[in-house]
């Protein structure tokens, strides 16, 4: 798939962030956008140009990487920590896929689709 628009960056960074840590995902797609939009430009200049000329790409990468980490227990460390603490206190928590099918897909993914249409 060709990641070329801010909406593509939002969903690509978000999808990866759902299963990996947010920071490396952000840096990967940030570097990808710099390379795609400003090939051969020194990094310091490319970063400044991205911020001033194409802020929607930066917004999309940031929002996707941070917000979609909540799609799974492993995408965001506090999700897993809260699950562990709750289970230790005797509160029944959904399984990994139970969380995704019960909460992530019906609520978060629908919200992210709406966000895509509003912002990108």
PDB file of N, CA and C in Angstrom:
ATOM      1  N   UNK A   1       0.842  -1.178   0.000  1.00  0.00           N
ATOM      2  CA  UNK A   1       0.000   0.000   0.000  1.00  0.00           C
ATOM      3  C   UNK A   1       0.887   1.241   0.000  1.00  0.00           C
ATOM      4  N   UNK A   2       0.536   2.203  -0.806  1.00  0.00           N
ATOM      5  CA  UNK A   2       1.277   3.455  -0.896  1.00  0.00           C
ATOM      6  C   UNK A   2       0.762   4.431   0.155  1.00  0.00           C
ATOM      7  N   UNK A   3       1.592   4.775   1.115  1.00  0.00           N
ATOM      8  CA  UNK A   3       1.216   5.724   2.161  1.00  0.00           C
ATOM      9  C   UNK A   3       1.576   7.104   1.631  1.00  0.00           C
ATOM     10  N   UNK A   4       0.553   7.887   1.242  1.00  0.00           N
ATOM     11  CA  UNK A   4       0.863   9.148   0.593  1.00  0.00           C
ATOM     12  C   UNK A   4       0.079  10.353   1.109  1.00  0.00           C
ATOM     13  N   UNK A   5      -1.062  10.158   1.715  1.00  0.00           N
ATOM     14  CA  UNK A   5      -1.864  11.278   2.203  1.00  0.00           C
ATOM     15  C   UNK A   5      -1.840  11.296   3.728  1.00  0.00           C
ATOM     16  N   UNK A   6      -2.225  12.423   4.335  1.00  0.00           N
ATOM     17  CA  UNK A   6      -2.293  12.434   5.797  1.00  0.00           C
ATOM     18  C   UNK A   6      -3.198  11.330   6.366  1.00  0.00           C
ATOM     19  N   UNK A   7      -4.311  11.046   5.702  1.00  0.00           N
ATOM     20  CA  UNK A   7      -5.201   9.974   6.182  1.00  0.00           C
ATOM     21  C   UNK A   7      -4.493   8.622   6.159  1.00  0.00           C
ATOM     22  N   UNK A   8      -3.695   8.385   5.120  1.00  0.00           N
ATOM     23  CA  UNK A   8      -2.932   7.132   5.054  1.00  0.00           C
ATOM     24  C   UNK A   8      -1.943   7.047   6.215  1.00  0.00           C
ATOM     25  N   UNK A   9      -1.262   8.160   6.482  1.00  0.00           N
ATOM     26  CA  UNK A   9      -0.303   8.177   7.591  1.00  0.00           C
ATOM     27  C   UNK A   9      -1.012   7.967   8.928  1.00  0.00           C
ATOM     28  N   UNK A  10      -2.186   8.549   9.090  1.00  0.00           N
ATOM     29  CA  UNK A  10      -2.961   8.370  10.322  1.00  0.00           C
ATOM     30  C   UNK A  10      -3.255   6.892  10.551  1.00  0.00           C
ATOM     31  N   UNK A  11      -3.784   6.216   9.543  1.00  0.00           N
ATOM     32  CA  UNK A  11      -4.162   4.811   9.695  1.00  0.00           C
ATOM     33  C   UNK A  11      -2.959   3.877   9.731  1.00  0.00           C
ATOM     34  N   UNK A  12      -1.931   4.160   8.948  1.00  0.00           N
ATOM     35  CA  UNK A  12      -0.745   3.285   8.954  1.00  0.00           C
ATOM     36  C   UNK A  12      -0.005   3.383  10.281  1.00  0.00           C
ATOM     37  N   UNK A  13       0.228   4.606  10.746  1.00  0.00           N
ATOM     38  CA  UNK A  13       0.927   4.749  12.029  1.00  0.00           C
ATOM     39  C   UNK A  13       0.068   4.224  13.173  1.00  0.00           C
ATOM     40  N   UNK A  14      -1.231   4.453  13.084  1.00  0.00           N
ATOM     41  CA  UNK A  14      -2.137   3.969  14.122  1.00  0.00           C
ATOM     42  C   UNK A  14      -2.236   2.457  14.168  1.00  0.00           C
ATOM     43  N   UNK A  15      -2.310   1.842  13.004  1.00  0.00           N
ATOM     44  CA  UNK A  15      -2.403   0.375  12.963  1.00  0.00           C
ATOM     45  C   UNK A  15      -1.166  -0.263  13.579  1.00  0.00           C
ATOM     46  N   UNK A  16      -0.014   0.259  13.230  1.00  0.00           N
ATOM     47  CA  UNK A  16       1.216  -0.280  13.802  1.00  0.00           C
ATOM     48  C   UNK A  16       1.308   0.026  15.295  1.00  0.00           C
ATOM     49  N   UNK A  17       0.884   1.210  15.676  1.00  0.00           N
ATOM     50  CA  UNK A  17       0.930   1.618  17.082  1.00  0.00           C
ATOM     51  C   UNK A  17      -0.006   0.796  17.958  1.00  0.00           C
ATOM     52  N   UNK A  18      -1.022   0.195  17.356  1.00  0.00           N
ATOM     53  CA  UNK A  18      -1.941  -0.651  18.119  1.00  0.00           C
ATOM     54  C   UNK A  18      -1.242  -1.880  18.686  1.00  0.00           C
ATOM     55  N   UNK A  19      -0.144  -2.269  18.047  1.00  0.00           N
ATOM     56  CA  UNK A  19       0.536  -3.491  18.463  1.00  0.00           C
ATOM     57  C   UNK A  19       1.987  -3.269  18.887  1.00  0.00           C
ATOM     58  N   UNK A  20       2.495  -2.070  18.665  1.00  0.00           N
ATOM     59  CA  UNK A  20       3.866  -1.744  19.055  1.00  0.00           C
ATOM     60  C   UNK A  20       3.866  -0.474  19.901  1.00  0.00           C
ATOM     61  N   UNK A  21       5.001  -0.148  20.452  1.00  0.00           N
ATOM     62  CA  UNK A  21       5.122   1.059  21.261  1.00  0.00           C
ATOM     63  C   UNK A  21       4.927   2.305  20.390  1.00  0.00           C
ATOM     64  N   UNK A  22       4.381   3.349  20.972  1.00  0.00           N
ATOM     65  CA  UNK A  22       4.035   4.562  20.226  1.00  0.00           C
ATOM     66  C   UNK A  22       5.256   5.309  19.689  1.00  0.00           C
ATOM     67  N   UNK A  23       6.301   5.469  20.490  1.00  0.00           N
ATOM     68  CA  UNK A  23       7.446   6.300  20.103  1.00  0.00           C
ATOM     69  C   UNK A  23       8.173   5.780  18.861  1.00  0.00           C
ATOM     70  N   UNK A  24       8.549   4.506  18.786  1.00  0.00           N
ATOM     71  CA  UNK A  24       9.213   4.033  17.567  1.00  0.00           C
ATOM     72  C   UNK A  24       8.306   4.108  16.340  1.00  0.00           C
ATOM     73  N   UNK A  25       7.021   3.871  16.552  1.00  0.00           N
ATOM     74  CA  UNK A  25       6.073   3.970  15.443  1.00  0.00           C
ATOM     75  C   UNK A  25       6.032   5.396  14.927  1.00  0.00           C
ATOM     76  N   UNK A  26       5.943   6.351  15.839  1.00  0.00           N
ATOM     77  CA  UNK A  26       5.935   7.766  15.460  1.00  0.00           C
ATOM     78  C   UNK A  26       7.199   8.110  14.676  1.00  0.00           C
ATOM     79  N   UNK A  27       8.350   7.737  15.207  1.00  0.00           N
ATOM     80  CA  UNK A  27       9.614   8.077  14.544  1.00  0.00           C
ATOM     81  C   UNK A  27       9.740   7.435  13.173  1.00  0.00           C
ATOM     82  N   UNK A  28       9.253   6.218  13.033  1.00  0.00           N
ATOM     83  CA  UNK A  28       9.307   5.535  11.747  1.00  0.00           C
ATOM     84  C   UNK A  28       8.502   6.286  10.698  1.00  0.00           C
ATOM     85  N   UNK A  29       7.273   6.645  11.022  1.00  0.00           N
ATOM     86  CA  UNK A  29       6.433   7.325  10.041  1.00  0.00           C
ATOM     87  C   UNK A  29       6.828   8.789   9.859  1.00  0.00           C
ATOM     88  N   UNK A  30       7.369   9.407  10.891  1.00  0.00           N
ATOM     89  CA  UNK A  30       7.891  10.767  10.770  1.00  0.00           C
ATOM     90  C   UNK A  30       9.048  10.778   9.770  1.00  0.00           C
ATOM     91  N   UNK A  31       9.965   9.833   9.921  1.00  0.00           N
ATOM     92  CA  UNK A  31      11.096   9.722   8.998  1.00  0.00           C
ATOM     93  C   UNK A  31      10.618   9.386   7.584  1.00  0.00           C
ATOM     94  N   UNK A  32       9.609   8.543   7.506  1.00  0.00           N
ATOM     95  CA  UNK A  32       9.038   8.185   6.206  1.00  0.00           C
ATOM     96  C   UNK A  32       8.455   9.416   5.507  1.00  0.00           C
ATOM     97  N   UNK A  33       7.736  10.238   6.251  1.00  0.00           N
ATOM     98  CA  UNK A  33       7.154  11.452   5.663  1.00  0.00           C
ATOM     99  C   UNK A  33       8.245  12.414   5.219  1.00  0.00           C
ATOM    100  N   UNK A  34       9.301  12.550   6.013  1.00  0.00           N
ATOM    101  CA  UNK A  34      10.409  13.423   5.630  1.00  0.00           C
ATOM    102  C   UNK A  34      11.038  12.945   4.327  1.00  0.00           C
ATOM    103  N   UNK A  35      11.262  11.645   4.227  1.00  0.00           N
ATOM    104  CA  UNK A  35      11.857  11.088   3.020  1.00  0.00           C
ATOM    105  C   UNK A  35      10.966  11.211   1.808  1.00  0.00           C
ATOM    106  N   UNK A  36       9.671  11.057   2.006  1.00  0.00           N
ATOM    107  CA  UNK A  36       8.726  11.137   0.881  1.00  0.00           C
ATOM    108  C   UNK A  36       8.543  12.572   0.403  1.00  0.00           C
ATOM    109  N   UNK A  37       8.396  13.502   1.346  1.00  0.00           N
ATOM    110  CA  UNK A  37       8.090  14.882   0.981  1.00  0.00           C
ATOM    111  C   UNK A  37       9.328  15.714   0.661  1.00  0.00           C
ATOM    112  N   UNK A  38      10.461  15.372   1.272  1.00  0.00           N
ATOM    113  CA  UNK A  38      11.673  16.170   1.100  1.00  0.00           C
ATOM    114  C   UNK A  38      12.891  15.283   0.856  1.00  0.00           C
ATOM    115  N   UNK A  39      12.892  14.521  -0.240  1.00  0.00           N
ATOM    116  CA  UNK A  39      14.034  13.633  -0.486  1.00  0.00           C
ATOM    117  C   UNK A  39      15.309  14.441  -0.748  1.00  0.00           C
ATOM    118  N   UNK A  40      16.390  14.000  -0.132  1.00  0.00           N
ATOM    119  CA  UNK A  40      17.676  14.633  -0.337  1.00  0.00           C
ATOM    120  C   UNK A  40      17.903  15.920   0.437  1.00  0.00           C
ATOM    121  N   UNK A  41      16.882  16.380   1.172  1.00  0.00           N
ATOM    122  CA  UNK A  41      17.014  17.607   1.960  1.00  0.00           C
ATOM    123  C   UNK A  41      17.605  17.231   3.321  1.00  0.00           C
ATOM    124  N   UNK A  42      18.565  17.999   3.829  1.00  0.00           N
ATOM    125  CA  UNK A  42      19.094  17.701   5.168  1.00  0.00           C
ATOM    126  C   UNK A  42      17.967  17.638   6.205  1.00  0.00           C
ATOM    127  N   UNK A  43      18.142  16.737   7.171  1.00  0.00           N
ATOM    128  CA  UNK A  43      17.065  16.461   8.119  1.00  0.00           C
ATOM    129  C   UNK A  43      16.585  17.707   8.871  1.00  0.00           C
ATOM    130  N   UNK A  44      17.496  18.528   9.343  1.00  0.00           N
ATOM    131  CA  UNK A  44      17.100  19.724  10.101  1.00  0.00           C
ATOM    132  C   UNK A  44      16.229  20.654   9.256  1.00  0.00           C
ATOM    133  N   UNK A  45      16.556  20.790   7.994  1.00  0.00           N
ATOM    134  CA  UNK A  45      15.777  21.633   7.083  1.00  0.00           C
ATOM    135  C   UNK A  45      14.448  20.960   6.771  1.00  0.00           C
ATOM    136  N   UNK A  46      14.472  19.641   6.538  1.00  0.00           N
ATOM    137  CA  UNK A  46      13.251  18.908   6.204  1.00  0.00           C
ATOM    138  C   UNK A  46      12.244  18.947   7.350  1.00  0.00           C
ATOM    139  N   UNK A  47      12.717  18.828   8.587  1.00  0.00           N
ATOM    140  CA  UNK A  47      11.813  18.880   9.751  1.00  0.00           C
ATOM    141  C   UNK A  47      11.124  20.235   9.817  1.00  0.00           C
ATOM    142  N   UNK A  48      11.901  21.298   9.655  1.00  0.00           N
ATOM    143  CA  UNK A  48      11.326  22.645   9.688  1.00  0.00           C
ATOM    144  C   UNK A  48      10.312  22.836   8.563  1.00  0.00           C
ATOM    145  N   UNK A  49      10.637  22.341   7.385  1.00  0.00           N
ATOM    146  CA  UNK A  49       9.714  22.479   6.252  1.00  0.00           C
ATOM    147  C   UNK A  49       8.445  21.656   6.460  1.00  0.00           C
ATOM    148  N   UNK A  50       8.592  20.454   7.032  1.00  0.00           N
ATOM    149  CA  UNK A  50       7.406  19.631   7.299  1.00  0.00           C
ATOM    150  C   UNK A  50       6.468  20.350   8.262  1.00  0.00           C
ATOM    151  N   UNK A  51       7.022  20.928   9.305  1.00  0.00           N
ATOM    152  CA  UNK A  51       6.206  21.619  10.312  1.00  0.00           C
ATOM    153  C   UNK A  51       5.500  22.828   9.706  1.00  0.00           C
ATOM    154  N   UNK A  52       6.186  23.563   8.868  1.00  0.00           N
ATOM    155  CA  UNK A  52       5.595  24.791   8.328  1.00  0.00           C
ATOM    156  C   UNK A  52       4.768  24.568   7.066  1.00  0.00           C
ATOM    157  N   UNK A  53       5.186  23.642   6.199  1.00  0.00           N
ATOM    158  CA  UNK A  53       4.519  23.462   4.903  1.00  0.00           C
ATOM    159  C   UNK A  53       3.464  22.367   4.906  1.00  0.00           C
ATOM    160  N   UNK A  54       3.653  21.344   5.701  1.00  0.00           N
ATOM    161  CA  UNK A  54       2.742  20.191   5.694  1.00  0.00           C
ATOM    162  C   UNK A  54       2.376  19.756   7.114  1.00  0.00           C
ATOM    163  N   UNK A  55       1.790  20.640   7.902  1.00  0.00           N
ATOM    164  CA  UNK A  55       1.494  20.260   9.292  1.00  0.00           C
ATOM    165  C   UNK A  55       0.467  19.135   9.410  1.00  0.00           C
ATOM    166  N   UNK A  56      -0.362  18.916   8.387  1.00  0.00           N
ATOM    167  CA  UNK A  56      -1.344  17.827   8.457  1.00  0.00           C
ATOM    168  C   UNK A  56      -0.682  16.456   8.505  1.00  0.00           C
ATOM    169  N   UNK A  57       0.469  16.317   7.885  1.00  0.00           N
ATOM    170  CA  UNK A  57       1.189  15.040   7.950  1.00  0.00           C
ATOM    171  C   UNK A  57       1.673  14.787   9.375  1.00  0.00           C
ATOM    172  N   UNK A  58       2.227  15.818   9.979  1.00  0.00           N
ATOM    173  CA  UNK A  58       2.696  15.695  11.359  1.00  0.00           C
ATOM    174  C   UNK A  58       1.534  15.407  12.297  1.00  0.00           C
ATOM    175  N   UNK A  59       0.429  16.085  12.102  1.00  0.00           N
ATOM    176  CA  UNK A  59      -0.777  15.856  12.912  1.00  0.00           C
ATOM    177  C   UNK A  59      -1.273  14.422  12.753  1.00  0.00           C
ATOM    178  N   UNK A  60      -1.325  13.951  11.524  1.00  0.00           N
ATOM    179  CA  UNK A  60      -1.814  12.593  11.256  1.00  0.00           C
ATOM    180  C   UNK A  60      -0.925  11.540  11.908  1.00  0.00           C
ATOM    181  N   UNK A  61       0.382  11.701  11.780  1.00  0.00           N
ATOM    182  CA  UNK A  61       1.314  10.738  12.366  1.00  0.00           C
ATOM    183  C   UNK A  61       1.217  10.763  13.885  1.00  0.00           C
ATOM    184  N   UNK A  62       1.156  11.952  14.447  1.00  0.00           N
ATOM    185  CA  UNK A  62       1.069  12.091  15.902  1.00  0.00           C
ATOM    186  C   UNK A  62      -0.222  11.492  16.441  1.00  0.00           C
ATOM    187  N   UNK A  63      -1.338  11.855  15.826  1.00  0.00           N
ATOM    188  CA  UNK A  63      -2.636  11.355  16.302  1.00  0.00           C
ATOM    189  C   UNK A  63      -2.746   9.845  16.142  1.00  0.00           C
ATOM    190  N   UNK A  64      -2.329   9.320  14.997  1.00  0.00           N
ATOM    191  CA  UNK A  64      -2.408   7.882  14.779  1.00  0.00           C
ATOM    192  C   UNK A  64      -1.554   7.112  15.763  1.00  0.00           C
ATOM    193  N   UNK A  65      -0.325   7.559  15.942  1.00  0.00           N
ATOM    194  CA  UNK A  65       0.600   6.855  16.839  1.00  0.00           C
ATOM    195  C   UNK A  65       0.139   6.878  18.287  1.00  0.00           C
ATOM    196  N   UNK A  66      -0.408   7.991  18.727  1.00  0.00           N
ATOM    197  CA  UNK A  66      -0.790   8.117  20.136  1.00  0.00           C
ATOM    198  C   UNK A  66      -2.184   7.553  20.400  1.00  0.00           C
ATOM    199  N   UNK A  67      -3.159   7.977  19.632  1.00  0.00           N
ATOM    200  CA  UNK A  67      -4.545   7.578  19.914  1.00  0.00           C
ATOM    201  C   UNK A  67      -4.794   6.098  19.692  1.00  0.00           C
ATOM    202  N   UNK A  68      -4.244   5.533  18.620  1.00  0.00           N
ATOM    203  CA  UNK A  68      -4.565   4.144  18.294  1.00  0.00           C
ATOM    204  C   UNK A  68      -3.800   3.142  19.140  1.00  0.00           C
ATOM    205  N   UNK A  69      -2.895   3.612  19.986  1.00  0.00           N
ATOM    206  CA  UNK A  69      -2.253   2.706  20.925  1.00  0.00           C
ATOM    207  C   UNK A  69      -3.256   2.098  21.890  1.00  0.00           C
ATOM    208  N   UNK A  70      -4.393   2.752  22.038  1.00  0.00           N
ATOM    209  CA  UNK A  70      -5.436   2.258  22.943  1.00  0.00           C
ATOM    210  C   UNK A  70      -6.262   1.134  22.337  1.00  0.00           C
ATOM    211  N   UNK A  71      -6.007   0.764  21.099  1.00  0.00           N
ATOM    212  CA  UNK A  71      -6.799  -0.291  20.457  1.00  0.00           C
ATOM    213  C   UNK A  71      -6.576  -1.672  21.063  1.00  0.00           C
ATOM    214  N   UNK A  72      -5.423  -1.874  21.690  1.00  0.00           N
ATOM    215  CA  UNK A  72      -5.130  -3.176  22.293  1.00  0.00           C
ATOM    216  C   UNK A  72      -4.478  -2.964  23.659  1.00  0.00           C
ATOM    217  N   UNK A  73      -4.381  -4.043  24.409  1.00  0.00           N
ATOM    218  CA  UNK A  73      -3.683  -3.977  25.686  1.00  0.00           C
ATOM    219  C   UNK A  73      -2.188  -3.716  25.484  1.00  0.00           C
ATOM    220  N   UNK A  74      -1.614  -4.251  24.422  1.00  0.00           N
ATOM    221  CA  UNK A  74      -0.171  -4.150  24.246  1.00  0.00           C
ATOM    222  C   UNK A  74       0.258  -2.888  23.510  1.00  0.00           C
ATOM    223  N   UNK A  75      -0.660  -2.177  22.874  1.00  0.00           N
ATOM    224  CA  UNK A  75      -0.299  -0.977  22.134  1.00  0.00           C
ATOM    225  C   UNK A  75       0.035   0.192  23.029  1.00  0.00           C
ATOM    226  N   UNK A  76      -0.381   0.132  24.259  1.00  0.00           N
ATOM    227  CA  UNK A  76      -0.142   1.230  25.192  1.00  0.00           C
ATOM    228  C   UNK A  76       0.104   0.592  26.560  1.00  0.00           C
ATOM    229  N   UNK A  77       1.294   0.758  27.087  1.00  0.00           N
ATOM    230  CA  UNK A  77       1.670   0.081  28.338  1.00  0.00           C
ATOM    231  C   UNK A  77       0.689   0.322  29.479  1.00  0.00           C
ATOM    232  N   UNK A  78       0.151   1.533  29.673  1.00  0.00           N
ATOM    233  CA  UNK A  78      -0.812   1.711  30.763  1.00  0.00           C
ATOM    234  C   UNK A  78      -2.061   0.847  30.615  1.00  0.00           C
ATOM    235  N   UNK A  79      -2.460   0.528  29.382  1.00  0.00           N
ATOM    236  CA  UNK A  79      -3.616  -0.364  29.203  1.00  0.00           C
ATOM    237  C   UNK A  79      -3.356  -1.706  29.876  1.00  0.00           C
ATOM    238  N   UNK A  80      -2.189  -2.258  29.635  1.00  0.00           N
ATOM    239  CA  UNK A  80      -1.846  -3.568  30.196  1.00  0.00           C
ATOM    240  C   UNK A  80      -1.686  -3.474  31.706  1.00  0.00           C
ATOM    241  N   UNK A  81      -1.129  -2.360  32.186  1.00  0.00           N
ATOM    242  CA  UNK A  81      -0.944  -2.163  33.614  1.00  0.00           C
ATOM    243  C   UNK A  81      -2.302  -2.094  34.325  1.00  0.00           C
ATOM    244  N   UNK A  82      -3.242  -1.342  33.774  1.00  0.00           N
ATOM    245  CA  UNK A  82      -4.578  -1.232  34.366  1.00  0.00           C
ATOM    246  C   UNK A  82      -5.260  -2.595  34.370  1.00  0.00           C
ATOM    247  N   UNK A  83      -5.115  -3.349  33.283  1.00  0.00           N
ATOM    248  CA  UNK A  83      -5.698  -4.697  33.216  1.00  0.00           C
ATOM    249  C   UNK A  83      -5.121  -5.570  34.327  1.00  0.00           C
ATOM    250  N   UNK A  84      -3.814  -5.551  34.503  1.00  0.00           N
ATOM    251  CA  UNK A  84      -3.167  -6.370  35.525  1.00  0.00           C
ATOM    252  C   UNK A  84      -3.598  -5.970  36.929  1.00  0.00           C
ATOM    253  N   UNK A  85      -3.658  -4.682  37.204  1.00  0.00           N
ATOM    254  CA  UNK A  85      -4.077  -4.204  38.524  1.00  0.00           C
ATOM    255  C   UNK A  85      -5.519  -4.587  38.806  1.00  0.00           C
ATOM    256  N   UNK A  86      -6.383  -4.427  37.807  1.00  0.00           N
ATOM    257  CA  UNK A  86      -7.794  -4.764  37.990  1.00  0.00           C
ATOM    258  C   UNK A  86      -7.966  -6.257  38.245  1.00  0.00           C
ATOM    259  N   UNK A  87      -7.250  -7.094  37.487  1.00  0.00           N
ATOM    260  CA  UNK A  87      -7.357  -8.541  37.685  1.00  0.00           C
ATOM    261  C   UNK A  87      -6.825  -8.940  39.064  1.00  0.00           C
ATOM    262  N   UNK A  88      -5.775  -8.289  39.507  1.00  0.00           N
ATOM    263  CA  UNK A  88      -5.222  -8.577  40.831  1.00  0.00           C
ATOM    264  C   UNK A  88      -6.218  -8.216  41.928  1.00  0.00           C
ATOM    265  N   UNK A  89      -7.046  -7.204  41.658  1.00  0.00           N
ATOM    266  CA  UNK A  89      -8.066  -6.787  42.626  1.00  0.00           C
ATOM    267  C   UNK A  89      -9.337  -7.632  42.512  1.00  0.00           C
ATOM    268  N   UNK A  90      -9.316  -8.636  41.616  1.00  0.00           N
ATOM    269  CA  UNK A  90     -10.460  -9.527  41.488  1.00  0.00           C
ATOM    270  C   UNK A  90     -11.513  -9.077  40.490  1.00  0.00           C
ATOM    271  N   UNK A  91     -11.220  -8.066  39.719  1.00  0.00           N
ATOM    272  CA  UNK A  91     -12.173  -7.585  38.713  1.00  0.00           C
ATOM    273  C   UNK A  91     -11.929  -8.351  37.421  1.00  0.00           C
ATOM    274  N   UNK A  92     -12.982  -8.896  36.869  1.00  0.00           N
ATOM    275  CA  UNK A  92     -12.856  -9.658  35.638  1.00  0.00           C
ATOM    276  C   UNK A  92     -12.654  -8.710  34.459  1.00  0.00           C
ATOM    277  N   UNK A  93     -11.624  -8.968  33.676  1.00  0.00           N
ATOM    278  CA  UNK A  93     -11.291  -8.134  32.515  1.00  0.00           C
ATOM    279  C   UNK A  93     -11.395  -8.973  31.254  1.00  0.00           C
ATOM    280  N   UNK A  94     -11.733  -8.338  30.141  1.00  0.00           N
ATOM    281  CA  UNK A  94     -11.819  -9.105  28.895  1.00  0.00           C
ATOM    282  C   UNK A  94     -10.441  -9.570  28.434  1.00  0.00           C
ATOM    283  N   UNK A  95     -10.433 -10.627  27.640  1.00  0.00           N
ATOM    284  CA  UNK A  95      -9.186 -11.130  27.074  1.00  0.00           C
ATOM    285  C   UNK A  95      -8.663 -10.122  26.038  1.00  0.00           C
ATOM    286  N   UNK A  96      -7.513 -10.426  25.476  1.00  0.00           N
ATOM    287  CA  UNK A  96      -6.911  -9.553  24.465  1.00  0.00           C
ATOM    288  C   UNK A  96      -7.892  -9.304  23.313  1.00  0.00           C
ATOM    289  N   UNK A  97      -8.389 -10.385  22.718  1.00  0.00           N
ATOM    290  CA  UNK A  97      -9.328 -10.238  21.600  1.00  0.00           C
ATOM    291  C   UNK A  97     -10.707  -9.793  22.082  1.00  0.00           C
ATOM    292  N   UNK A  98     -11.065 -10.180  23.292  1.00  0.00           N
ATOM    293  CA  UNK A  98     -12.333  -9.719  23.858  1.00  0.00           C
ATOM    294  C   UNK A  98     -12.359  -8.209  23.975  1.00  0.00           C
ATOM    295  N   UNK A  99     -11.255  -7.632  24.419  1.00  0.00           N
ATOM    296  CA  UNK A  99     -11.144  -6.166  24.517  1.00  0.00           C
ATOM    297  C   UNK A  99     -11.293  -5.528  23.142  1.00  0.00           C
ATOM    298  N   UNK A 100     -10.607  -6.123  22.156  1.00  0.00           N
ATOM    299  CA  UNK A 100     -10.672  -5.553  20.805  1.00  0.00           C
ATOM    300  C   UNK A 100     -12.090  -5.616  20.236  1.00  0.00           C
ATOM    301  N   UNK A 101     -12.746  -6.771  20.369  1.00  0.00           N
ATOM    302  CA  UNK A 101     -14.069  -6.926  19.764  1.00  0.00           C
ATOM    303  C   UNK A 101     -15.184  -6.260  20.575  1.00  0.00           C
ATOM    304  N   UNK A 102     -14.977  -6.133  21.868  1.00  0.00           N
ATOM    305  CA  UNK A 102     -16.002  -5.552  22.729  1.00  0.00           C
ATOM    306  C   UNK A 102     -15.905  -4.031  22.821  1.00  0.00           C
ATOM    307  N   UNK A 103     -14.684  -3.504  22.767  1.00  0.00           N
ATOM    308  CA  UNK A 103     -14.498  -2.062  22.973  1.00  0.00           C
ATOM    309  C   UNK A 103     -13.790  -1.357  21.815  1.00  0.00           C
ATOM    310  N   UNK A 104     -12.669  -1.898  21.378  1.00  0.00           N
ATOM    311  CA  UNK A 104     -11.875  -1.193  20.364  1.00  0.00           C
ATOM    312  C   UNK A 104     -12.602  -1.018  19.040  1.00  0.00           C
ATOM    313  N   UNK A 105     -13.046  -2.111  18.473  1.00  0.00           N
ATOM    314  CA  UNK A 105     -13.670  -2.028  17.148  1.00  0.00           C
ATOM    315  C   UNK A 105     -14.988  -1.263  17.182  1.00  0.00           C
ATOM    316  N   UNK A 106     -15.905  -1.569  18.087  1.00  0.00           N
ATOM    317  CA  UNK A 106     -17.179  -0.844  18.033  1.00  0.00           C
ATOM    318  C   UNK A 106     -17.094   0.619  18.451  1.00  0.00           C
ATOM    319  N   UNK A 107     -16.145   0.974  19.294  1.00  0.00           N
ATOM    320  CA  UNK A 107     -16.090   2.357  19.775  1.00  0.00           C
ATOM    321  C   UNK A 107     -14.914   3.141  19.192  1.00  0.00           C
ATOM    322  N   UNK A 108     -13.703   2.638  19.425  1.00  0.00           N
ATOM    323  CA  UNK A 108     -12.523   3.397  19.014  1.00  0.00           C
ATOM    324  C   UNK A 108     -12.369   3.475  17.500  1.00  0.00           C
ATOM    325  N   UNK A 109     -12.497   2.359  16.815  1.00  0.00           N
ATOM    326  CA  UNK A 109     -12.317   2.382  15.360  1.00  0.00           C
ATOM    327  C   UNK A 109     -13.373   3.264  14.703  1.00  0.00           C
ATOM    328  N   UNK A 110     -14.595   3.197  15.180  1.00  0.00           N
ATOM    329  CA  UNK A 110     -15.646   4.078  14.647  1.00  0.00           C
ATOM    330  C   UNK A 110     -15.278   5.540  14.898  1.00  0.00           C
ATOM    331  N   UNK A 111     -14.772   5.842  16.075  1.00  0.00           N
ATOM    332  CA  UNK A 111     -14.341   7.204  16.379  1.00  0.00           C
ATOM    333  C   UNK A 111     -13.193   7.630  15.469  1.00  0.00           C
ATOM    334  N   UNK A 112     -12.254   6.733  15.201  1.00  0.00           N
ATOM    335  CA  UNK A 112     -11.128   7.067  14.329  1.00  0.00           C
ATOM    336  C   UNK A 112     -11.575   7.296  12.886  1.00  0.00           C
ATOM    337  N   UNK A 113     -12.598   6.590  12.453  1.00  0.00           N
ATOM    338  CA  UNK A 113     -13.150   6.831  11.109  1.00  0.00           C
ATOM    339  C   UNK A 113     -13.742   8.244  11.051  1.00  0.00           C
ATOM    340  N   UNK A 114     -14.457   8.607  12.080  1.00  0.00           N
ATOM    341  CA  UNK A 114     -15.045   9.965  12.151  1.00  0.00           C
ATOM    342  C   UNK A 114     -13.923  11.002  12.172  1.00  0.00           C
ATOM    343  N   UNK A 115     -12.880  10.770  12.960  1.00  0.00           N
ATOM    344  CA  UNK A 115     -11.746  11.696  13.038  1.00  0.00           C
ATOM    345  C   UNK A 115     -11.093  11.840  11.663  1.00  0.00           C
ATOM    346  N   UNK A 116     -10.994  10.750  10.924  1.00  0.00           N
ATOM    347  CA  UNK A 116     -10.402  10.807   9.581  1.00  0.00           C
ATOM    348  C   UNK A 116     -11.182  11.776   8.698  1.00  0.00           C
ATOM    349  N   UNK A 117     -12.505  11.685   8.724  1.00  0.00           N
ATOM    350  CA  UNK A 117     -13.313  12.562   7.883  1.00  0.00           C
ATOM    351  C   UNK A 117     -13.279  14.019   8.355  1.00  0.00           C
ATOM    352  N   UNK A 118     -13.164  14.237   9.649  1.00  0.00           N
ATOM    353  CA  UNK A 118     -13.132  15.609  10.176  1.00  0.00           C
ATOM    354  C   UNK A 118     -11.777  16.282   9.910  1.00  0.00           C
ATOM    355  N   UNK A 119     -10.680  15.577  10.182  1.00  0.00           N
ATOM    356  CA  UNK A 119      -9.362  16.211  10.134  1.00  0.00           C
ATOM    357  C   UNK A 119      -8.573  15.959   8.860  1.00  0.00           C
ATOM    358  N   UNK A 120      -8.819  14.848   8.174  1.00  0.00           N
ATOM    359  CA  UNK A 120      -7.959  14.505   7.041  1.00  0.00           C
ATOM    360  C   UNK A 120      -8.742  14.317   5.765  1.00  0.00           C
TER     361      UNK A 120
END
